[in-house]
Amino acid sequence: ALLTTLGVGERIKSPTYSLIETYRIGDLQAHHLDLYRIAAADELEWLGLADLLDANSLLLIEWPERGSGALPPADLILHFEHAGERRNIAVRANSARGHECLRILASSGVRQHS
């Protein structure tokens, strides 16, 4: 749902088995990683994580605790919760860049709850 909301028009696949799926959103590359199946954080080097980290990339990581120590600090922490047919999302800024993202969202009219 998040990738669709961000503008991905193609079919979005779960990266559970492939570990990573990449989508283009305008000039941005969105990399969706699912780390559930990795046994150790050093396996992220095999995935080419360093090649995914640039100013035009968005990393969306499920099960980030499995990559602890090998992942860069998160700018935003997102928690999703089922709400009937919909999802609620709580977003917490974890860096100056994260706070800037939240400011941009607020100025775009995204509804926020405290």
N, C-alpha and C. Protein backbone atom coordinates (compact mmCIF):
# COMPACT_ATOMS: atom_id res chain seq x y z
N ALA A 1 0.82 -1.19 0.00
CA ALA A 1 0.00 0.00 0.00
C ALA A 1 0.87 1.26 0.00
N LEU A 2 1.96 1.24 0.76
CA LEU A 2 2.84 2.40 0.82
C LEU A 2 3.46 2.68 -0.55
N LEU A 3 3.97 1.66 -1.21
CA LEU A 3 4.58 1.86 -2.52
C LEU A 3 3.56 2.33 -3.55
N THR A 4 2.35 1.80 -3.49
CA THR A 4 1.30 2.26 -4.40
C THR A 4 0.98 3.72 -4.14
N THR A 5 0.87 4.10 -2.87
CA THR A 5 0.59 5.49 -2.51
C THR A 5 1.71 6.41 -2.98
N LEU A 6 2.94 5.92 -2.97
CA LEU A 6 4.08 6.73 -3.43
C LEU A 6 4.13 6.85 -4.95
N GLY A 7 3.32 6.05 -5.65
CA GLY A 7 3.25 6.20 -7.10
C GLY A 7 3.74 5.04 -7.92
N VAL A 8 4.06 3.91 -7.30
CA VAL A 8 4.47 2.74 -8.08
C VAL A 8 3.24 2.23 -8.82
N GLY A 9 3.33 2.15 -10.14
CA GLY A 9 2.19 1.74 -10.95
C GLY A 9 2.20 0.28 -11.34
N GLU A 10 3.32 -0.37 -11.16
CA GLU A 10 3.41 -1.78 -11.54
C GLU A 10 2.99 -2.70 -10.39
N ARG A 11 2.87 -3.98 -10.69
CA ARG A 11 2.53 -4.97 -9.66
C ARG A 11 3.65 -5.01 -8.62
N ILE A 12 3.27 -4.93 -7.37
CA ILE A 12 4.24 -4.94 -6.28
C ILE A 12 4.30 -6.35 -5.70
N LYS A 13 5.51 -6.91 -5.71
CA LYS A 13 5.70 -8.28 -5.25
C LYS A 13 6.36 -8.29 -3.87
N SER A 14 6.04 -9.29 -3.09
CA SER A 14 6.69 -9.45 -1.80
C SER A 14 8.13 -9.92 -2.02
N PRO A 15 9.08 -9.31 -1.32
CA PRO A 15 10.46 -9.75 -1.46
C PRO A 15 10.84 -10.88 -0.49
N THR A 16 9.85 -11.62 0.01
CA THR A 16 10.13 -12.66 0.99
C THR A 16 11.14 -13.67 0.47
N TYR A 17 11.04 -14.09 -0.79
CA TYR A 17 11.96 -15.09 -1.33
C TYR A 17 13.11 -14.47 -2.10
N SER A 18 12.86 -13.37 -2.78
CA SER A 18 13.92 -12.72 -3.55
C SER A 18 14.78 -11.83 -2.65
N LEU A 19 14.32 -11.49 -1.47
CA LEU A 19 14.94 -10.64 -0.47
C LEU A 19 14.90 -9.16 -0.82
N ILE A 20 14.86 -8.82 -2.11
CA ILE A 20 14.79 -7.41 -2.49
C ILE A 20 14.01 -7.25 -3.80
N GLU A 21 13.17 -6.24 -3.83
CA GLU A 21 12.46 -5.84 -5.05
C GLU A 21 12.68 -4.34 -5.21
N THR A 22 12.93 -3.90 -6.43
CA THR A 22 13.21 -2.48 -6.68
C THR A 22 12.16 -1.91 -7.63
N TYR A 23 11.75 -0.68 -7.32
CA TYR A 23 10.72 0.02 -8.10
C TYR A 23 11.19 1.45 -8.36
N ARG A 24 10.75 2.00 -9.48
CA ARG A 24 11.07 3.40 -9.81
C ARG A 24 9.87 4.26 -9.46
N ILE A 25 10.14 5.36 -8.75
CA ILE A 25 9.12 6.37 -8.43
C ILE A 25 9.71 7.70 -8.88
N GLY A 26 9.42 8.10 -10.11
CA GLY A 26 10.03 9.31 -10.67
C GLY A 26 11.54 9.12 -10.75
N ASP A 27 12.29 10.03 -10.14
CA ASP A 27 13.75 9.94 -10.13
C ASP A 27 14.27 9.08 -8.98
N LEU A 28 13.37 8.56 -8.19
CA LEU A 28 13.72 7.80 -7.00
C LEU A 28 13.67 6.31 -7.25
N GLN A 29 14.64 5.58 -6.71
CA GLN A 29 14.61 4.12 -6.69
C GLN A 29 14.13 3.70 -5.31
N ALA A 30 13.07 2.91 -5.24
CA ALA A 30 12.58 2.39 -3.96
C ALA A 30 12.98 0.92 -3.88
N HIS A 31 13.75 0.57 -2.88
CA HIS A 31 14.21 -0.80 -2.67
C HIS A 31 13.47 -1.37 -1.46
N HIS A 32 12.69 -2.41 -1.69
CA HIS A 32 11.93 -3.05 -0.62
C HIS A 32 12.67 -4.34 -0.24
N LEU A 33 13.19 -4.38 0.96
CA LEU A 33 13.93 -5.53 1.45
C LEU A 33 13.13 -6.25 2.53
N ASP A 34 13.17 -7.57 2.50
CA ASP A 34 12.57 -8.39 3.55
C ASP A 34 13.70 -9.25 4.10
N LEU A 35 14.12 -8.97 5.31
CA LEU A 35 15.28 -9.65 5.89
C LEU A 35 14.92 -10.86 6.74
N TYR A 36 13.67 -11.27 6.70
CA TYR A 36 13.23 -12.37 7.54
C TYR A 36 14.08 -13.63 7.35
N ARG A 37 14.46 -13.91 6.11
CA ARG A 37 15.16 -15.16 5.81
C ARG A 37 16.68 -15.10 5.95
N ILE A 38 17.24 -13.95 6.29
CA ILE A 38 18.70 -13.92 6.45
C ILE A 38 19.06 -14.46 7.83
N ALA A 39 20.19 -15.13 7.90
CA ALA A 39 20.62 -15.74 9.16
C ALA A 39 21.54 -14.81 9.94
N ALA A 40 22.27 -13.95 9.23
CA ALA A 40 23.23 -13.06 9.89
C ALA A 40 23.32 -11.76 9.10
N ALA A 41 23.62 -10.68 9.82
CA ALA A 41 23.68 -9.35 9.20
C ALA A 41 24.72 -9.26 8.09
N ASP A 42 25.80 -10.05 8.17
CA ASP A 42 26.83 -9.96 7.13
C ASP A 42 26.34 -10.46 5.77
N GLU A 43 25.18 -11.12 5.73
CA GLU A 43 24.60 -11.53 4.45
C GLU A 43 24.14 -10.33 3.63
N LEU A 44 23.97 -9.17 4.27
CA LEU A 44 23.54 -7.97 3.53
C LEU A 44 24.59 -7.54 2.52
N GLU A 45 25.84 -7.84 2.78
CA GLU A 45 26.90 -7.52 1.82
C GLU A 45 26.66 -8.28 0.51
N TRP A 46 26.19 -9.51 0.61
CA TRP A 46 25.88 -10.33 -0.56
C TRP A 46 24.75 -9.70 -1.37
N LEU A 47 23.83 -9.03 -0.68
CA LEU A 47 22.71 -8.38 -1.37
C LEU A 47 23.13 -7.10 -2.09
N GLY A 48 24.33 -6.62 -1.83
CA GLY A 48 24.79 -5.38 -2.44
C GLY A 48 24.20 -4.14 -1.79
N LEU A 49 23.99 -4.20 -0.48
CA LEU A 49 23.37 -3.09 0.24
C LEU A 49 24.10 -1.77 0.00
N ALA A 50 25.41 -1.79 -0.01
CA ALA A 50 26.18 -0.55 -0.21
C ALA A 50 25.83 0.13 -1.53
N ASP A 51 25.51 -0.66 -2.55
CA ASP A 51 25.16 -0.11 -3.87
C ASP A 51 23.77 0.53 -3.88
N LEU A 52 22.95 0.22 -2.87
CA LEU A 52 21.60 0.76 -2.82
C LEU A 52 21.52 2.10 -2.10
N LEU A 53 22.59 2.46 -1.41
CA LEU A 53 22.58 3.65 -0.56
C LEU A 53 23.06 4.87 -1.33
N ASP A 54 22.13 5.70 -1.78
CA ASP A 54 22.48 6.98 -2.38
C ASP A 54 21.33 7.95 -2.16
N ALA A 55 21.53 9.19 -2.55
CA ALA A 55 20.55 10.24 -2.28
C ALA A 55 19.23 10.02 -3.01
N ASN A 56 19.24 9.24 -4.09
CA ASN A 56 18.02 9.00 -4.86
C ASN A 56 17.40 7.64 -4.58
N SER A 57 17.69 7.10 -3.40
CA SER A 57 17.17 5.79 -3.04
C SER A 57 16.36 5.86 -1.76
N LEU A 58 15.34 5.05 -1.74
CA LEU A 58 14.50 4.87 -0.56
C LEU A 58 14.60 3.40 -0.20
N LEU A 59 15.02 3.10 1.01
CA LEU A 59 15.07 1.72 1.47
C LEU A 59 13.92 1.48 2.43
N LEU A 60 13.10 0.51 2.10
CA LEU A 60 11.99 0.08 2.95
C LEU A 60 12.36 -1.32 3.43
N ILE A 61 12.55 -1.48 4.73
CA ILE A 61 13.11 -2.72 5.24
C ILE A 61 12.18 -3.37 6.25
N GLU A 62 11.76 -4.60 5.92
CA GLU A 62 10.99 -5.41 6.85
C GLU A 62 11.98 -6.27 7.64
N TRP A 63 11.71 -6.48 8.91
CA TRP A 63 12.56 -7.24 9.81
C TRP A 63 13.96 -6.62 9.91
N PRO A 64 14.07 -5.31 10.12
CA PRO A 64 15.40 -4.67 10.15
C PRO A 64 16.28 -5.17 11.29
N GLU A 65 15.69 -5.70 12.35
CA GLU A 65 16.52 -6.20 13.46
C GLU A 65 17.43 -7.34 13.02
N ARG A 66 17.09 -8.04 11.95
CA ARG A 66 17.94 -9.13 11.46
C ARG A 66 19.19 -8.60 10.75
N GLY A 67 19.18 -7.32 10.41
CA GLY A 67 20.35 -6.70 9.77
C GLY A 67 21.08 -5.77 10.72
N SER A 68 20.77 -5.87 11.99
CA SER A 68 21.36 -4.98 13.00
C SER A 68 22.88 -4.97 12.92
N GLY A 69 23.43 -3.77 12.88
CA GLY A 69 24.87 -3.59 12.79
C GLY A 69 25.36 -3.41 11.37
N ALA A 70 24.59 -3.87 10.39
CA ALA A 70 24.99 -3.74 8.99
C ALA A 70 24.15 -2.72 8.23
N LEU A 71 23.05 -2.29 8.85
CA LEU A 71 22.18 -1.31 8.21
C LEU A 71 22.52 0.10 8.66
N PRO A 72 22.32 1.07 7.79
CA PRO A 72 22.49 2.46 8.24
C PRO A 72 21.35 2.81 9.20
N PRO A 73 21.54 3.82 10.03
CA PRO A 73 20.45 4.24 10.92
C PRO A 73 19.23 4.66 10.09
N ALA A 74 18.06 4.33 10.59
CA ALA A 74 16.81 4.67 9.90
C ALA A 74 16.51 6.15 10.07
N ASP A 75 16.04 6.79 9.00
CA ASP A 75 15.57 8.18 9.08
C ASP A 75 14.16 8.22 9.63
N LEU A 76 13.35 7.24 9.24
CA LEU A 76 11.97 7.14 9.71
C LEU A 76 11.71 5.72 10.19
N ILE A 77 10.96 5.60 11.26
CA ILE A 77 10.49 4.31 11.75
C ILE A 77 8.99 4.26 11.49
N LEU A 78 8.52 3.26 10.77
CA LEU A 78 7.11 3.13 10.45
C LEU A 78 6.55 1.88 11.11
N HIS A 79 5.42 2.03 11.76
CA HIS A 79 4.72 0.90 12.37
C HIS A 79 3.33 0.84 11.75
N PHE A 80 3.02 -0.31 11.13
CA PHE A 80 1.74 -0.52 10.48
C PHE A 80 0.85 -1.35 11.39
N GLU A 81 -0.44 -1.06 11.36
CA GLU A 81 -1.41 -1.77 12.18
C GLU A 81 -2.68 -1.98 11.37
N HIS A 82 -3.23 -3.18 11.42
CA HIS A 82 -4.50 -3.44 10.74
C HIS A 82 -5.60 -2.63 11.41
N ALA A 83 -6.46 -2.06 10.59
CA ALA A 83 -7.62 -1.30 11.06
C ALA A 83 -8.80 -1.67 10.17
N GLY A 84 -9.28 -2.89 10.34
CA GLY A 84 -10.36 -3.38 9.48
C GLY A 84 -9.83 -3.60 8.08
N GLU A 85 -10.45 -2.96 7.10
CA GLU A 85 -10.05 -3.06 5.69
C GLU A 85 -8.85 -2.16 5.37
N ARG A 86 -8.47 -1.33 6.30
CA ARG A 86 -7.41 -0.34 6.08
C ARG A 86 -6.21 -0.63 6.96
N ARG A 87 -5.24 0.26 6.93
CA ARG A 87 -4.08 0.17 7.79
C ARG A 87 -3.87 1.53 8.44
N ASN A 88 -3.49 1.51 9.69
CA ASN A 88 -3.01 2.72 10.36
C ASN A 88 -1.50 2.66 10.34
N ILE A 89 -0.88 3.81 10.23
CA ILE A 89 0.58 3.87 10.23
C ILE A 89 1.02 4.94 11.21
N ALA A 90 1.97 4.58 12.04
CA ALA A 90 2.60 5.54 12.94
C ALA A 90 4.01 5.76 12.42
N VAL A 91 4.38 7.02 12.29
CA VAL A 91 5.69 7.37 11.74
C VAL A 91 6.44 8.19 12.78
N ARG A 92 7.70 7.80 13.01
CA ARG A 92 8.54 8.51 13.97
C ARG A 92 9.84 8.90 13.27
N ALA A 93 10.18 10.18 13.35
CA ALA A 93 11.44 10.65 12.78
C ALA A 93 12.58 10.21 13.69
N ASN A 94 13.68 9.78 13.06
CA ASN A 94 14.82 9.26 13.79
C ASN A 94 16.10 10.02 13.44
N SER A 95 15.96 11.07 12.62
CA SER A 95 17.13 11.85 12.19
C SER A 95 16.64 13.21 11.68
N ALA A 96 17.57 14.09 11.40
CA ALA A 96 17.21 15.39 10.82
C ALA A 96 16.52 15.19 9.47
N ARG A 97 17.02 14.25 8.68
CA ARG A 97 16.40 13.96 7.38
C ARG A 97 14.97 13.44 7.58
N GLY A 98 14.77 12.60 8.59
CA GLY A 98 13.44 12.09 8.91
C GLY A 98 12.49 13.20 9.30
N HIS A 99 12.97 14.15 10.11
CA HIS A 99 12.14 15.30 10.50
C HIS A 99 11.77 16.13 9.27
N GLU A 100 12.69 16.28 8.34
CA GLU A 100 12.41 17.03 7.11
C GLU A 100 11.35 16.31 6.28
N CYS A 101 11.43 14.99 6.21
CA CYS A 101 10.40 14.21 5.49
C CYS A 101 9.03 14.44 6.11
N LEU A 102 8.96 14.40 7.44
CA LEU A 102 7.69 14.64 8.12
C LEU A 102 7.17 16.05 7.88
N ARG A 103 8.08 17.03 7.83
CA ARG A 103 7.67 18.41 7.54
C ARG A 103 7.07 18.50 6.14
N ILE A 104 7.69 17.84 5.18
CA ILE A 104 7.19 17.85 3.80
C ILE A 104 5.81 17.18 3.74
N LEU A 105 5.67 16.05 4.43
CA LEU A 105 4.37 15.38 4.46
C LEU A 105 3.30 16.28 5.06
N ALA A 106 3.63 16.95 6.16
CA ALA A 106 2.66 17.83 6.82
C ALA A 106 2.25 18.97 5.89
N SER A 107 3.21 19.53 5.15
CA SER A 107 2.89 20.65 4.27
C SER A 107 2.12 20.20 3.03
N SER A 108 2.14 18.89 2.75
CA SER A 108 1.40 18.38 1.59
C SER A 108 -0.04 18.02 1.93
N GLY A 109 -0.40 18.17 3.20
CA GLY A 109 -1.77 17.92 3.60
C GLY A 109 -2.03 16.53 4.13
N VAL A 110 -0.97 15.72 4.33
CA VAL A 110 -1.16 14.40 4.91
C VAL A 110 -1.69 14.56 6.33
N ARG A 111 -2.75 13.85 6.62
CA ARG A 111 -3.39 13.96 7.94
C ARG A 111 -2.50 13.32 9.00
N GLN A 112 -2.31 14.04 10.10
CA GLN A 112 -1.47 13.56 11.19
C GLN A 112 -2.28 13.51 12.46
N HIS A 113 -1.95 12.57 13.30
CA HIS A 113 -2.55 12.45 14.63
C HIS A 113 -1.42 12.47 15.64
N SER A 114 -1.66 13.04 16.79
CA SER A 114 -0.62 13.05 17.81
C SER A 114 -0.76 11.87 18.73
